[in-house]
């Protein structure tokens, strides 16, 4: 049996293994993250203690390793605080570099991350539609679509998959963010995440990408809040005096369960193949 923790970062949920004897395989990660068949999660991280804080290795629900997951990193910090590795501040080593984390309250964690890259305009075709968006790198790639109408009717399930795998983004693909900016200090965002291959309830790097786009276009000022599909708000701001420039992302990060994965958690069947009519 494998000991685990379950955490949620503003709606993004993760499984965490703390200093396991071995790294989980991609097949195990896919099985454990399968909703309805196992515990279910957007991804999994392995956390190991380090002198300055902790080292995390992150994989999406598809079992593939990713350089960065911002909400996952906030949850990794939350767990390290829970384990007593630090009281209020520590550094999380990630594949995208070290990220300072600060505990704001029991269930609220802030990160100081490298400022997002400058957004680049890009127009892509999906079927007979031409869509203008903005490419932004925040440790991982994002494609930001500024949506003119209510996000309640945004076609995330329709446009998310073809945009995520569009040839314009190469083999790695991209995360896709549908964003509305209702005011100069507020964002609303829905995200289709690669590796999960579905809409998630939040995306921390997506919130940063959306904010960077709004700022670059002169439609947003910092500090700003980003409303996620899960109903949580993420706070985005600049870190004053940081060199090189850094932005902060703060929000809910809670420990929701701990236990042991049993053999049945890895027993996911192949997807059903229906007989032809």
Protein backbone atom coordinates (compact mmCIF):
# COMPACT_ATOMS: atom_id res chain seq x y z
CA UNK A 1 0.00 0.00 0.00
CA UNK A 2 1.19 3.52 -0.84
CA UNK A 3 0.71 6.44 1.56
CA UNK A 4 -0.76 9.55 -0.06
CA UNK A 5 -2.11 13.02 0.63
CA UNK A 6 -4.88 14.71 -1.35
CA UNK A 7 -4.76 18.49 -1.74
CA UNK A 8 -6.70 21.16 -3.59
CA UNK A 9 -5.34 24.46 -4.85
CA UNK A 10 -8.32 26.71 -5.62
CA UNK A 11 -10.04 23.75 -7.27
CA UNK A 12 -7.05 22.05 -8.91
CA UNK A 13 -6.73 18.75 -7.05
CA UNK A 14 -3.57 16.70 -6.61
CA UNK A 15 -2.28 13.49 -5.11
CA UNK A 16 1.00 13.80 -3.23
CA UNK A 17 3.55 11.18 -2.18
CA UNK A 18 6.04 12.25 0.51
CA UNK A 19 9.52 10.77 0.20
CA UNK A 20 8.33 7.44 -1.27
CA UNK A 21 10.78 4.55 -1.55
CA UNK A 22 10.47 4.72 -5.35
CA UNK A 23 9.03 7.04 -7.96
CA UNK A 24 5.56 6.08 -9.22
CA UNK A 25 5.34 4.88 -12.81
CA UNK A 26 3.40 6.74 -15.48
CA UNK A 27 0.87 3.88 -15.54
CA UNK A 28 0.33 4.17 -11.78
CA UNK A 29 -0.14 7.94 -12.00
CA UNK A 30 -2.69 7.58 -14.81
CA UNK A 31 -4.59 4.92 -12.85
CA UNK A 32 -4.60 6.79 -9.52
CA UNK A 33 -5.69 10.06 -11.19
CA UNK A 34 -8.59 8.44 -13.07
CA UNK A 35 -11.86 9.86 -11.80
CA UNK A 36 -14.60 7.37 -11.01
CA UNK A 37 -12.10 4.48 -11.12
CA UNK A 38 -9.60 5.52 -8.45
CA UNK A 39 -8.96 8.55 -6.23
CA UNK A 40 -8.98 10.96 -9.15
CA UNK A 41 -6.88 14.11 -9.53
CA UNK A 42 -5.57 16.64 -12.04
CA UNK A 43 -2.04 15.46 -11.31
CA UNK A 44 0.41 13.99 -8.81
CA UNK A 45 3.59 15.28 -7.22
CA UNK A 46 6.36 13.64 -5.25
CA UNK A 47 7.69 15.78 -2.41
CA UNK A 48 11.12 15.36 -0.83
CA UNK A 49 12.70 17.47 1.90
CA UNK A 50 15.65 19.73 1.06
CA UNK A 51 17.76 22.08 3.24
CA UNK A 52 16.01 25.21 1.92
CA UNK A 53 12.58 23.60 1.82
CA UNK A 54 11.46 20.87 -0.57
CA UNK A 55 11.89 19.38 -4.02
CA UNK A 56 8.79 18.47 -6.03
CA UNK A 57 8.49 16.37 -9.18
CA UNK A 58 5.15 16.88 -10.91
CA UNK A 59 3.21 14.81 -13.43
CA UNK A 60 -0.15 15.53 -15.02
CA UNK A 61 -3.03 13.07 -14.85
CA UNK A 62 -1.81 11.48 -18.11
CA UNK A 63 1.36 10.38 -16.30
CA UNK A 64 3.65 12.75 -18.18
CA UNK A 65 6.08 14.90 -16.26
CA UNK A 66 5.60 18.67 -16.51
CA UNK A 67 8.13 21.36 -15.68
CA UNK A 68 5.70 23.41 -13.64
CA UNK A 69 2.22 23.41 -12.16
CA UNK A 70 1.67 26.63 -10.24
CA UNK A 71 -1.30 25.48 -8.15
CA UNK A 72 0.48 22.17 -7.62
CA UNK A 73 3.51 24.07 -6.32
CA UNK A 74 1.32 26.04 -3.94
CA UNK A 75 -0.10 22.73 -2.69
CA UNK A 76 3.41 21.29 -2.34
CA UNK A 77 4.33 24.26 -0.15
CA UNK A 78 1.10 23.84 1.84
CA UNK A 79 1.97 20.21 2.52
CA UNK A 80 5.56 21.04 3.48
CA UNK A 81 4.24 23.58 6.00
CA UNK A 82 1.82 20.95 7.33
CA UNK A 83 4.69 18.49 7.76
CA UNK A 84 6.62 21.03 9.83
CA UNK A 85 9.45 21.53 7.34
CA UNK A 86 9.05 25.29 7.79
CA UNK A 87 6.64 27.64 9.53
CA UNK A 88 6.01 30.49 7.11
CA UNK A 89 8.54 30.54 4.24
CA UNK A 90 10.40 27.97 2.17
CA UNK A 91 11.68 27.29 -1.33
CA UNK A 92 10.18 24.67 -3.63
CA UNK A 93 12.61 23.24 -6.18
CA UNK A 94 10.80 22.48 -9.45
CA UNK A 95 11.87 21.47 -12.94
CA UNK A 96 11.29 25.13 -13.88
CA UNK A 97 13.64 26.36 -11.13
CA UNK A 98 13.35 27.30 -7.45
CA UNK A 99 10.16 29.07 -6.36
CA UNK A 100 9.84 30.88 -3.01
CA UNK A 101 6.60 30.17 -1.13
CA UNK A 102 5.00 31.94 1.80
CA UNK A 103 2.21 30.80 4.10
CA UNK A 104 -0.38 33.56 4.47
CA UNK A 105 -2.82 31.58 6.64
CA UNK A 106 -3.71 27.95 7.33
CA UNK A 107 -5.18 27.41 3.85
CA UNK A 108 -3.66 30.25 1.82
CA UNK A 109 -0.25 30.16 0.13
CA UNK A 110 1.56 32.66 -2.11
CA UNK A 111 4.35 31.99 -4.61
CA UNK A 112 6.89 34.41 -6.10
CA UNK A 113 7.40 33.37 -9.73
CA UNK A 114 9.38 34.73 -12.66
CA UNK A 115 7.34 37.38 -14.44
CA UNK A 116 5.45 35.92 -17.43
CA UNK A 117 6.98 36.29 -20.87
CA UNK A 118 5.64 39.03 -23.14
CA UNK A 119 2.42 37.80 -24.80
CA UNK A 120 2.64 37.24 -28.56
CA UNK A 121 -0.42 37.63 -30.79
CA UNK A 122 -1.34 34.55 -32.83
CA UNK A 123 -4.27 33.76 -35.10
CA UNK A 124 -5.20 30.11 -35.64
CA UNK A 125 -7.88 28.32 -37.63
CA UNK A 126 -10.17 25.69 -36.12
CA UNK A 127 -12.51 24.38 -38.78
CA UNK A 128 -14.07 27.41 -40.45
CA UNK A 129 -13.33 29.68 -37.47
CA UNK A 130 -10.32 31.97 -37.16
CA UNK A 131 -9.43 32.74 -33.56
CA UNK A 132 -7.12 35.49 -32.34
CA UNK A 133 -5.29 34.77 -29.12
CA UNK A 134 -2.08 35.38 -27.23
CA UNK A 135 0.76 32.94 -26.61
CA UNK A 136 2.30 33.29 -23.15
CA UNK A 137 4.94 31.15 -21.43
CA UNK A 138 4.58 30.77 -17.67
CA UNK A 139 6.89 27.83 -17.14
CA UNK A 140 4.46 25.97 -19.42
CA UNK A 141 2.78 27.22 -22.63
CA UNK A 142 -0.59 28.99 -22.67
CA UNK A 143 -2.89 30.30 -25.38
CA UNK A 144 -5.14 33.06 -24.06
CA UNK A 145 -8.43 33.83 -25.79
CA UNK A 146 -10.08 37.08 -24.71
CA UNK A 147 -13.75 36.16 -24.73
CA UNK A 148 -16.19 39.03 -25.38
CA UNK A 149 -19.23 37.40 -23.78
CA UNK A 150 -20.08 35.63 -20.54
CA UNK A 151 -17.80 32.68 -19.83
CA UNK A 152 -20.91 30.71 -18.89
CA UNK A 153 -21.40 30.02 -22.59
CA UNK A 154 -17.72 29.83 -23.62
CA UNK A 155 -17.14 26.73 -25.82
CA UNK A 156 -14.36 25.28 -23.67
CA UNK A 157 -15.24 21.65 -24.40
CA UNK A 158 -15.64 22.37 -28.12
CA UNK A 159 -12.56 24.51 -28.80
CA UNK A 160 -10.27 23.37 -26.00
CA UNK A 161 -9.20 20.00 -27.52
CA UNK A 162 -8.41 21.21 -31.08
CA UNK A 163 -6.57 24.29 -29.81
CA UNK A 164 -4.63 22.31 -27.19
CA UNK A 165 -3.23 20.07 -29.96
CA UNK A 166 -3.07 22.64 -32.77
CA UNK A 167 -0.06 22.36 -35.08
CA UNK A 168 0.83 25.99 -34.30
CA UNK A 169 1.96 24.88 -30.83
CA UNK A 170 4.16 21.98 -31.93
CA UNK A 171 4.31 18.53 -30.41
CA UNK A 172 4.12 19.84 -26.83
CA UNK A 173 0.75 21.50 -27.40
CA UNK A 174 -0.57 24.18 -25.09
CA UNK A 175 -2.97 24.99 -22.28
CA UNK A 176 -5.96 27.02 -23.46
CA UNK A 177 -7.50 29.82 -21.41
CA UNK A 178 -10.84 31.51 -22.08
CA UNK A 179 -10.61 34.88 -20.37
CA UNK A 180 -12.94 37.78 -19.75
CA UNK A 181 -11.77 41.07 -18.22
CA UNK A 182 -14.87 42.71 -16.71
CA UNK A 183 -12.91 45.44 -14.94
CA UNK A 184 -9.43 46.95 -14.72
CA UNK A 185 -8.44 44.80 -11.74
CA UNK A 186 -10.44 41.62 -12.34
CA UNK A 187 -10.21 38.54 -14.56
CA UNK A 188 -12.59 35.66 -15.10
CA UNK A 189 -11.00 32.50 -16.48
CA UNK A 190 -11.83 28.97 -17.63
CA UNK A 191 -8.95 26.69 -18.62
CA UNK A 192 -8.56 23.55 -20.72
CA UNK A 193 -5.37 21.90 -19.47
CA UNK A 194 -3.06 19.66 -21.46
CA UNK A 195 -2.16 16.48 -19.61
CA UNK A 196 -5.58 16.51 -17.96
CA UNK A 197 -7.24 16.86 -21.38
CA UNK A 198 -10.26 18.54 -19.87
CA UNK A 199 -11.40 21.75 -18.27
CA UNK A 200 -10.13 22.09 -14.72
CA UNK A 201 -11.61 24.10 -11.86
CA UNK A 202 -8.55 26.36 -11.74
CA UNK A 203 -5.17 26.92 -13.40
CA UNK A 204 -2.57 29.01 -11.61
CA UNK A 205 -0.23 29.47 -14.57
CA UNK A 206 -3.31 30.27 -16.67
CA UNK A 207 -4.25 33.07 -14.27
CA UNK A 208 -0.76 34.52 -14.63
CA UNK A 209 -0.88 34.19 -18.43
CA UNK A 210 -4.27 35.89 -18.53
CA UNK A 211 -3.09 38.70 -16.28
CA UNK A 212 0.04 39.21 -18.40
CA UNK A 213 -2.14 39.49 -21.51
CA UNK A 214 -4.48 41.99 -19.89
CA UNK A 215 -1.58 44.11 -18.64
CA UNK A 216 0.19 44.04 -22.02
CA UNK A 217 -2.98 45.23 -23.77
CA UNK A 218 -3.56 48.00 -21.23
CA UNK A 219 -6.84 46.50 -20.04
CA UNK A 220 -5.68 45.32 -16.60
CA UNK A 221 -3.65 46.70 -13.75
CA UNK A 222 -2.03 44.87 -10.86
CA UNK A 223 -2.91 43.87 -8.21
CA UNK A 224 -5.79 41.93 -9.74
CA UNK A 225 -8.00 38.99 -8.85
CA UNK A 226 -8.83 36.05 -11.09
CA UNK A 227 -12.13 34.21 -10.61
CA UNK A 228 -11.78 30.49 -11.41
CA UNK A 229 -14.35 27.93 -12.49
CA UNK A 230 -14.23 26.42 -9.00
CA UNK A 231 -15.44 29.68 -7.48
CA UNK A 232 -12.12 30.59 -5.84
CA UNK A 233 -10.24 33.82 -6.44
CA UNK A 234 -6.51 33.93 -7.13
CA UNK A 235 -4.61 37.15 -6.37
CA UNK A 236 -1.99 38.31 -8.90
CA UNK A 237 0.51 41.07 -8.18
CA UNK A 238 4.06 42.19 -8.84
CA UNK A 239 6.76 41.47 -6.27
CA UNK A 240 8.17 44.88 -5.44
CA UNK A 241 11.92 45.25 -5.78
CA UNK A 242 12.48 41.77 -7.22
CA UNK A 243 15.35 41.44 -9.69
CA UNK A 244 14.82 39.83 -12.10
CA UNK A 245 11.11 40.76 -12.06
CA UNK A 246 8.75 38.41 -10.25
CA UNK A 247 5.00 38.18 -9.91
CA UNK A 248 3.12 36.68 -6.99
CA UNK A 249 0.16 34.33 -7.10
CA UNK A 250 -1.80 33.72 -3.90
CA UNK A 251 -4.86 31.65 -3.18
CA UNK A 252 -6.50 28.75 -1.42
CA UNK A 253 -4.37 25.63 -0.88
CA UNK A 254 -5.90 23.03 1.39
CA UNK A 255 -5.12 19.53 2.61
CA UNK A 256 -8.29 17.49 2.17
CA UNK A 257 -7.33 13.87 2.92
CA UNK A 258 -4.59 11.38 3.65
CA UNK A 259 -4.55 7.62 3.52
CA UNK A 260 -3.17 4.61 1.69
CA UNK A 261 -3.64 3.56 -1.91
CA UNK A 262 -4.62 -0.09 -2.11
CA UNK A 263 -4.22 -2.46 -5.03
CA UNK A 264 -7.65 -1.69 -6.40
CA UNK A 265 -6.61 1.92 -7.02
CA UNK A 266 -4.43 0.74 -9.91
CA UNK A 267 -6.99 -1.53 -11.54
CA UNK A 268 -8.37 0.83 -14.20
CA UNK A 269 -9.80 -0.98 -17.26
CA UNK A 270 -9.35 0.16 -20.84
CA UNK A 271 -12.00 2.61 -22.09
CA UNK A 272 -15.13 0.92 -23.45
CA UNK A 273 -15.23 0.22 -27.19
CA UNK A 274 -18.86 0.05 -28.28
CA UNK A 275 -20.01 -2.37 -30.93
CA UNK A 276 -21.11 -0.81 -34.25
CA UNK A 277 -24.77 -0.42 -35.04
